[in-house]
Every structure is written in structure tokens, then in C-alpha cells.
Amino acid sequence: MLIGVLSGTERLYEQREASTGQTEDELVELLVREVTEARDARPNVTAVGLGIPATINHDEGIAVSAVNLPLADLPIREIVSERVGLPVFVDNDGNVAALAEYLYGAAQGKPHMVMLTVGTGIGGGLILDGEIYRGSTGAGAELGHVVIQADGPPCQGNCPNHGCVESLASGTALGREGRAAAESAADSALGKLLADGKEVDGKAVTEAALAGDEIAVGVFDLIGGRLGVACASLANIFQPNAIVVGGGVIAAGDLLLEPARREVRERALNPMNQTPILEATLGNDAGMIGAAAMARSEVARVSA
């Protein structure tokens, strides 16, 4: 969790990281405590924006469900607003990251864009005509659950599907494929890590690939290609100005993105097969920056 007070991308209050807690009550108490401290540090704060990795009913301010957080039908906007005495606006973290990259990052000047955040799972957001697209109830744009292999592995968490891009191209999948590669290539950097009893996870695969290990590079070719299959479908559906990829796995840069671009060129219809696949530029700050921008926009809309 990142907390900060911002004006645009300018930090008015130093961001801090905090753990998310193990229960719903712990998460709420943490949010209230951190937001209150930020509010008190900058008394001119006018609103709070929350970007949460969950299915969000934006209009009602409800966290409907989450894969990695203890949330279920929680009226988080109402709870936090009552506790901190400020208007609160809630959105999916992928949505607000997309907004940040559109306003201040890799997709500036691109009013139709798709954002994919590739970390432990895969999130994302859509900007259409310069606005966040959320679907009929505000819970849409779950881009990590685009199916790329109908008979693929079960998806993570509470998703009932199989073969989602999240299950096949996330950081979790990167680690899984890296371990499989290590087991079959004992002389590789990954194989030696495994033989030494060290963990072969997504970070280890990334470090080995960036150091030039061919087996690790091959794992990224597989993962990036799978990501590209999803990108090709998204390009065909939305014809965006660009698809922006962020999240922890983007540390590998073009080792991830070039295979994705290849698949888009080969699989998407013309002219969507020319859709640029860009690396996000705001890093871990994207969600925080976008949440602040979303709150500012909502205040202006309500006040109009």
C-alpha cells in the first residue's frame, strides 16, 4: 500500500509503504489511520482517492470482492469517509493506474488506451475517449481474466475460469515456468539456483534473463508471448492508441514486451496489429497518482 498527498504528480506529503493487514477490519483500520495522518500533515486536503486491487462498484463505493485482500461487499467509501471526514472515491487499482499513465505517463495524448499491470496477478484498466471505462455497474474491465487458453490451468483466487491471462502470464506464472525450466536445464543459471536450494521465483527469472541466461530469456519469450495473445484480442476489440504494460514483471523490459509485440503483429487484424505496446513510466507510483487524479476529477464533477 502506498499513501501520499499529491497535486498532479507533485508529492505534497511523502509517500509511505504499509502492509495491508490480514483481515477486513485490519485493512480498514490501516486505511483510516494512514489517511488521517496524511490529512493532518496537509490540512488543505479536499478529497481521498483509493485504488484497490479488487472488483469495485465505483458508483456505490463498494469493494465487491478481491483475490489477494480480505474484502467482500465492503462499503469502503462510506466507512472511510465517515471516519476521516472527507469525501472518498474508490476505484480499481488498474483503472487508476491507467488514468495516471494517460494523464502523466507513457500514454499522454492517447485518449484510447489499455493498461495491463503484470505482477503477482494481472490487473488493468481502460481509458476510452479520455475517461475511465468501468462497465454498467463500475466493476468491469477485469482485463487479467481474458481467456487465452480455454483448457488452461485454473485461474487464481476466486476466479472460476480456466486459462485466463493472469494464470498464464503473471509473475506467479513466470516463477512457475522458471522452476519448470530449471528442473529441465541443470546447467542453466536457474538450474544452478535450484540445485543450491534457492528459490526460483519471478524475481530470480528476471535477474537471470537480464544477465543473459538463455533459459531464462526463453521463459520470458513464453510469458511475453502469452501476454501478447491477450493484447491482440484487446487491440481487436478496442483499437486503442496504445497498450501500456506496467507492474513488477516489466523490470525485464523488452524481454517481456518484444514477444508480446510479435504476437500482436501476427494475431491482430490490420490495422490493430500495429498497436504500440509501451512500457509504463510511472512505476509503483501510478496507482497513487491515478487515485488522486480520480478523486480530483470526481470532486469537480460533483461540484459542477
Protein backbone atom coordinates (compact mmCIF):
# COMPACT_ATOMS: atom_id res chain seq x y z
CA MET A 1 0.00 0.00 0.00
CA LEU A 2 1.30 3.46 -0.95
CA ILE A 3 0.00 6.59 0.75
CA GLY A 4 0.60 10.19 -0.26
CA VAL A 5 -0.88 13.64 -0.77
CA LEU A 6 -0.44 14.83 -4.33
CA SER A 7 -1.15 17.73 -6.64
CA GLY A 8 -0.85 16.21 -10.10
CA THR A 9 2.36 14.20 -9.80
CA GLU A 10 3.86 16.54 -7.20
CA ARG A 11 4.07 14.98 -3.77
CA LEU A 12 2.93 17.30 -1.01
CA TYR A 13 3.31 14.61 1.62
CA GLU A 14 5.97 11.94 1.49
CA GLN A 15 4.65 8.61 0.32
CA ARG A 16 4.92 5.68 2.67
CA GLU A 17 4.51 1.98 2.28
CA ALA A 18 2.37 -0.01 4.66
CA SER A 19 1.30 -3.63 4.88
CA THR A 20 -2.32 -4.33 4.05
CA GLY A 21 -3.40 -6.33 7.08
CA GLN A 22 -4.77 -9.84 7.32
CA THR A 23 -8.47 -9.21 7.92
CA GLU A 24 -11.08 -6.80 6.62
CA ASP A 25 -11.15 -4.91 9.92
CA GLU A 26 -7.35 -4.62 9.97
CA LEU A 27 -7.35 -3.29 6.42
CA VAL A 28 -10.00 -0.67 7.22
CA GLU A 29 -8.18 0.45 10.38
CA LEU A 30 -4.94 0.74 8.44
CA LEU A 31 -6.59 2.82 5.72
CA VAL A 32 -8.23 5.13 8.23
CA ARG A 33 -5.02 5.59 10.22
CA GLU A 34 -2.85 6.32 7.19
CA VAL A 35 -5.37 8.63 5.52
CA THR A 36 -5.89 10.51 8.79
CA GLU A 37 -2.15 11.01 9.21
CA ALA A 38 -1.83 12.26 5.63
CA ARG A 39 -4.81 14.59 6.10
CA ASP A 40 -3.33 16.03 9.28
CA ALA A 41 0.05 16.57 7.59
CA ARG A 42 -1.60 18.65 4.84
CA PRO A 43 -4.76 20.32 6.21
CA ASN A 44 -5.80 21.57 2.74
CA VAL A 45 -6.61 18.05 1.52
CA THR A 46 -10.04 18.15 -0.14
CA ALA A 47 -10.74 14.52 -1.01
CA VAL A 48 -9.40 10.98 -0.79
CA GLY A 49 -8.88 8.61 -3.70
CA LEU A 50 -8.44 4.89 -3.10
CA GLY A 51 -7.15 2.49 -5.74
CA ILE A 52 -7.76 -1.06 -4.54
CA PRO A 53 -6.87 -4.39 -6.21
CA ALA A 54 -10.45 -5.62 -6.10
CA THR A 55 -13.67 -5.70 -8.05
CA ILE A 56 -15.13 -2.29 -7.24
CA ASN A 57 -18.62 -0.89 -7.64
CA HIS A 58 -17.35 2.61 -8.28
CA ASP A 59 -20.74 4.35 -8.19
CA GLU A 60 -21.59 2.90 -4.78
CA GLY A 61 -18.05 2.86 -3.39
CA ILE A 62 -18.21 -0.84 -2.56
CA ALA A 63 -15.35 -3.34 -2.68
CA VAL A 64 -17.26 -6.32 -4.06
CA SER A 65 -14.55 -8.97 -3.93
CA ALA A 66 -10.78 -9.38 -4.12
CA VAL A 67 -8.31 -12.13 -4.91
CA ASN A 68 -5.49 -11.06 -2.60
CA LEU A 69 -7.24 -8.90 0.01
CA PRO A 70 -9.82 -9.79 2.70
CA LEU A 71 -12.68 -7.83 1.10
CA ALA A 72 -16.27 -8.84 0.39
CA ASP A 73 -19.13 -6.40 -0.28
CA LEU A 74 -17.47 -3.78 1.91
CA PRO A 75 -18.92 -0.22 1.68
CA ILE A 76 -15.41 1.15 1.93
CA ARG A 77 -16.19 4.64 0.65
CA GLU A 78 -18.83 5.23 3.32
CA ILE A 79 -16.73 3.74 6.12
CA VAL A 80 -13.55 5.68 5.38
CA SER A 81 -15.39 8.93 4.63
CA GLU A 82 -17.24 8.84 7.95
CA ARG A 83 -14.03 8.13 9.84
CA VAL A 84 -11.80 10.76 8.21
CA GLY A 85 -14.36 13.48 7.50
CA LEU A 86 -13.56 13.87 3.81
CA PRO A 87 -15.23 12.81 0.57
CA VAL A 88 -13.80 9.47 -0.55
CA PHE A 89 -13.80 7.96 -4.03
CA VAL A 90 -12.90 4.35 -4.73
CA ASP A 91 -11.79 2.58 -7.87
CA ASN A 92 -9.92 -0.48 -9.02
CA ASP A 93 -6.15 -0.06 -8.84
CA GLY A 94 -5.75 -0.96 -12.52
CA ASN A 95 -8.23 1.74 -13.50
CA VAL A 96 -6.42 4.46 -11.59
CA ALA A 97 -3.02 3.28 -12.84
CA ALA A 98 -4.36 3.57 -16.39
CA LEU A 99 -5.61 7.07 -15.66
CA ALA A 100 -2.19 8.08 -14.33
CA GLU A 101 -0.34 6.74 -17.37
CA TYR A 102 -2.82 8.53 -19.63
CA LEU A 103 -2.55 11.87 -17.83
CA TYR A 104 1.13 11.90 -16.89
CA GLY A 105 2.91 8.83 -18.24
CA ALA A 106 3.50 6.67 -21.29
CA ALA A 107 0.06 7.28 -22.84
CA GLN A 108 -0.12 11.07 -22.68
CA GLY A 109 -2.10 12.34 -25.65
CA LYS A 110 -3.58 8.87 -26.27
CA PRO A 111 -7.27 9.10 -25.28
CA HIS A 112 -7.94 5.45 -26.15
CA MET A 113 -5.56 3.22 -24.20
CA VAL A 114 -5.37 -0.12 -22.46
CA MET A 115 -3.26 -0.64 -19.33
CA LEU A 116 -2.07 -4.02 -18.10
CA THR A 117 -0.30 -4.33 -14.75
CA VAL A 118 1.69 -7.55 -14.59
CA GLY A 119 2.66 -8.52 -11.06
CA THR A 120 1.64 -11.43 -8.84
CA GLY A 121 -1.57 -11.34 -10.88
CA ILE A 122 -2.60 -9.23 -13.84
CA GLY A 123 -4.79 -6.18 -13.48
CA GLY A 124 -5.64 -3.49 -15.93
CA GLY A 125 -7.74 -0.56 -16.92
CA LEU A 126 -9.31 1.08 -19.94
CA ILE A 127 -9.30 4.72 -20.95
CA LEU A 128 -11.83 5.39 -23.71
CA ASP A 129 -12.34 8.92 -25.02
CA GLY A 130 -10.12 10.15 -22.21
CA GLU A 131 -12.26 8.65 -19.43
CA ILE A 132 -12.01 5.52 -17.31
CA TYR A 133 -14.35 2.85 -18.67
CA ARG A 134 -15.89 0.81 -15.87
CA GLY A 135 -18.84 -1.04 -17.39
CA SER A 136 -22.51 -0.94 -16.41
CA THR A 137 -22.04 -1.14 -12.62
CA GLY A 138 -18.46 0.07 -12.32
CA ALA A 139 -16.99 -3.40 -11.90
CA GLY A 140 -15.88 -4.05 -15.48
CA ALA A 141 -12.51 -4.04 -17.27
CA GLU A 142 -11.15 -7.10 -15.44
CA LEU A 143 -8.55 -7.49 -18.18
CA GLY A 144 -6.49 -10.09 -16.35
CA HIS A 145 -9.33 -12.53 -16.91
CA VAL A 146 -9.24 -12.50 -20.69
CA VAL A 147 -9.04 -16.19 -21.61
CA ILE A 148 -6.10 -17.13 -23.81
CA GLN A 149 -6.27 -20.93 -23.39
CA ALA A 150 -9.70 -22.47 -22.87
CA ASP A 151 -8.28 -25.69 -21.42
CA GLY A 152 -5.59 -23.89 -19.44
CA PRO A 153 -4.88 -24.02 -15.71
CA PRO A 154 -7.38 -22.78 -13.13
CA CYS A 155 -7.18 -19.07 -12.50
CA GLN A 156 -6.05 -17.62 -9.18
CA GLY A 157 -8.16 -16.71 -6.18
CA ASN A 158 -11.93 -16.54 -6.59
CA CYS A 159 -11.98 -16.56 -10.40
CA PRO A 160 -13.92 -19.65 -11.57
CA ASN A 161 -12.35 -19.68 -15.03
CA HIS A 162 -9.51 -21.56 -16.66
CA GLY A 163 -6.77 -20.25 -18.92
CA CYS A 164 -7.01 -16.56 -18.00
CA VAL A 165 -4.01 -14.47 -18.98
CA GLU A 166 -3.47 -13.90 -15.24
CA SER A 167 -2.97 -17.61 -14.69
CA LEU A 168 -0.58 -17.93 -17.65
CA ALA A 169 1.40 -14.68 -17.91
CA SER A 170 1.60 -13.15 -14.42
CA GLY A 171 4.59 -13.00 -12.12
CA THR A 172 3.24 -16.14 -10.47
CA ALA A 173 3.24 -17.90 -13.84
CA LEU A 174 6.75 -16.58 -14.54
CA GLY A 175 8.02 -18.23 -11.38
CA ARG A 176 6.19 -21.46 -12.13
CA GLU A 177 7.58 -21.68 -15.67
CA GLY A 178 11.02 -20.68 -14.39
CA ARG A 179 11.05 -23.56 -11.91
CA ALA A 180 9.98 -25.99 -14.62
CA ALA A 181 12.76 -24.71 -16.87
CA ALA A 182 15.29 -25.01 -14.05
CA GLU A 183 14.35 -28.63 -13.48
CA SER A 184 14.99 -29.49 -17.13
CA ALA A 185 18.17 -27.40 -17.58
CA ALA A 186 20.51 -28.17 -14.70
CA ASP A 187 23.43 -26.26 -16.26
CA SER A 188 21.50 -23.02 -16.62
CA ALA A 189 21.62 -20.18 -14.11
CA LEU A 190 18.14 -21.14 -12.96
CA GLY A 191 19.11 -24.80 -12.71
CA LYS A 192 22.08 -23.92 -10.53
CA LEU A 193 19.88 -21.84 -8.25
CA LEU A 194 17.55 -24.78 -7.84
CA ALA A 195 20.44 -27.16 -7.18
CA ASP A 196 21.72 -24.80 -4.48
CA GLY A 197 18.35 -24.93 -2.74
CA LYS A 198 17.49 -21.33 -3.61
CA GLU A 199 14.07 -20.12 -4.64
CA VAL A 200 13.37 -19.84 -8.34
CA ASP A 201 10.67 -17.19 -8.46
CA GLY A 202 9.77 -14.40 -10.84
CA LYS A 203 12.50 -12.14 -9.48
CA ALA A 204 15.15 -14.83 -9.95
CA VAL A 205 13.99 -15.50 -13.51
CA THR A 206 14.11 -11.77 -14.26
CA GLU A 207 17.62 -11.38 -12.88
CA ALA A 208 18.86 -14.40 -14.82
CA ALA A 209 17.25 -13.20 -18.04
CA LEU A 210 18.72 -9.70 -17.70
CA ALA A 211 22.12 -11.33 -17.13
CA GLY A 212 21.73 -13.15 -20.45
CA ASP A 213 20.82 -16.68 -19.37
CA GLU A 214 19.24 -18.25 -22.45
CA ILE A 215 16.88 -20.48 -20.50
CA ALA A 216 15.52 -17.54 -18.52
CA VAL A 217 15.22 -15.47 -21.70
CA GLY A 218 13.21 -18.35 -23.16
CA VAL A 219 10.86 -18.27 -20.19
CA PHE A 220 10.23 -14.58 -20.85
CA ASP A 221 9.61 -15.33 -24.51
CA LEU A 222 6.90 -17.77 -23.40
CA ILE A 223 5.34 -15.42 -20.84
CA GLY A 224 5.56 -12.37 -23.09
CA GLY A 225 4.05 -14.31 -25.96
CA ARG A 226 1.09 -15.32 -23.82
CA LEU A 227 0.64 -11.71 -22.76
CA GLY A 228 0.70 -10.77 -26.44
CA VAL A 229 -2.14 -13.17 -27.22
CA ALA A 230 -4.31 -11.23 -24.77
CA CYS A 231 -3.04 -7.93 -26.16
CA ALA A 232 -4.03 -8.99 -29.68
CA SER A 233 -7.61 -9.60 -28.54
CA LEU A 234 -7.70 -6.30 -26.65
CA ALA A 235 -6.33 -4.50 -29.71
CA ASN A 236 -9.00 -6.05 -31.93
CA ILE A 237 -11.80 -5.13 -29.53
CA PHE A 238 -10.83 -1.58 -28.59
CA GLN A 239 -8.40 -0.39 -31.30
CA PRO A 240 -6.53 1.66 -28.70
CA ASN A 241 -3.87 4.25 -29.43
CA ALA A 242 -1.56 2.13 -27.28
CA ILE A 243 -1.38 -0.73 -24.81
CA VAL A 244 0.74 0.19 -21.79
CA VAL A 245 2.28 -2.55 -19.65
CA GLY A 246 3.38 -1.92 -16.07
CA GLY A 247 3.79 -3.85 -12.83
CA GLY A 248 6.77 -5.62 -11.31
CA VAL A 249 7.38 -8.00 -14.22
CA ILE A 250 8.04 -5.03 -16.53
CA ALA A 251 11.50 -4.85 -14.93
CA ALA A 252 12.53 -7.19 -17.75
CA GLY A 253 11.64 -4.53 -20.32
CA ASP A 254 11.78 -5.68 -23.92
CA LEU A 255 12.44 -9.27 -22.87
CA LEU A 256 8.74 -9.26 -21.95
CA LEU A 257 7.44 -6.71 -24.44
CA GLU A 258 9.05 -7.85 -27.69
CA PRO A 259 7.36 -11.28 -27.61
CA ALA A 260 4.08 -9.50 -26.84
CA ARG A 261 4.56 -7.16 -29.79
CA ARG A 262 5.33 -10.13 -32.03
CA GLU A 263 2.07 -11.82 -31.13
CA VAL A 264 0.08 -8.65 -31.72
CA ARG A 265 1.66 -8.23 -35.16
CA GLU A 266 0.88 -11.84 -36.05
CA ARG A 267 -2.56 -12.24 -34.47
CA ALA A 268 -4.41 -8.93 -34.53
CA LEU A 269 -6.32 -7.69 -37.55
CA ASN A 270 -4.97 -4.87 -39.67
CA PRO A 271 -4.60 -2.03 -38.61
CA MET A 272 -4.87 -3.16 -34.97
CA ASN A 273 -1.77 -5.31 -35.47
CA GLN A 274 0.22 -2.06 -35.44
CA THR A 275 -0.93 -1.11 -31.94
CA PRO A 276 2.08 0.14 -29.94
CA ILE A 277 2.94 -1.88 -26.83
CA LEU A 278 4.60 0.59 -24.45
CA GLU A 279 6.37 0.30 -21.12
CA ALA A 280 4.73 2.21 -18.29
CA THR A 281 6.77 5.13 -17.00
CA LEU A 282 5.30 5.91 -13.57
CA GLY A 283 6.31 2.67 -11.87
CA ASN A 284 4.81 1.86 -8.50
CA ASP A 285 3.55 5.42 -8.13
CA ALA A 286 0.96 5.02 -10.90
CA GLY A 287 -1.82 3.80 -8.64
CA MET A 288 -1.29 6.54 -6.08
CA ILE A 289 -1.06 9.27 -8.72
CA GLY A 290 -4.13 7.95 -10.52
CA ALA A 291 -6.19 7.63 -7.34
CA ALA A 292 -5.50 11.29 -6.55
CA ALA A 293 -6.39 12.31 -10.11
CA MET A 294 -9.59 10.26 -9.97
CA ALA A 295 -10.64 11.90 -6.70
CA ARG A 296 -9.91 15.36 -8.07
CA SER A 297 -12.00 14.61 -11.17
CA GLU A 298 -14.90 13.29 -9.09
CA VAL A 299 -14.88 16.38 -6.87
CA ALA A 300 -15.02 18.60 -9.96
CA ARG A 301 -17.87 16.53 -11.42
CA VAL A 302 -19.93 16.63 -8.23
CA SER A 303 -19.32 20.38 -7.86
CA ALA A 304 -20.26 21.22 -11.46
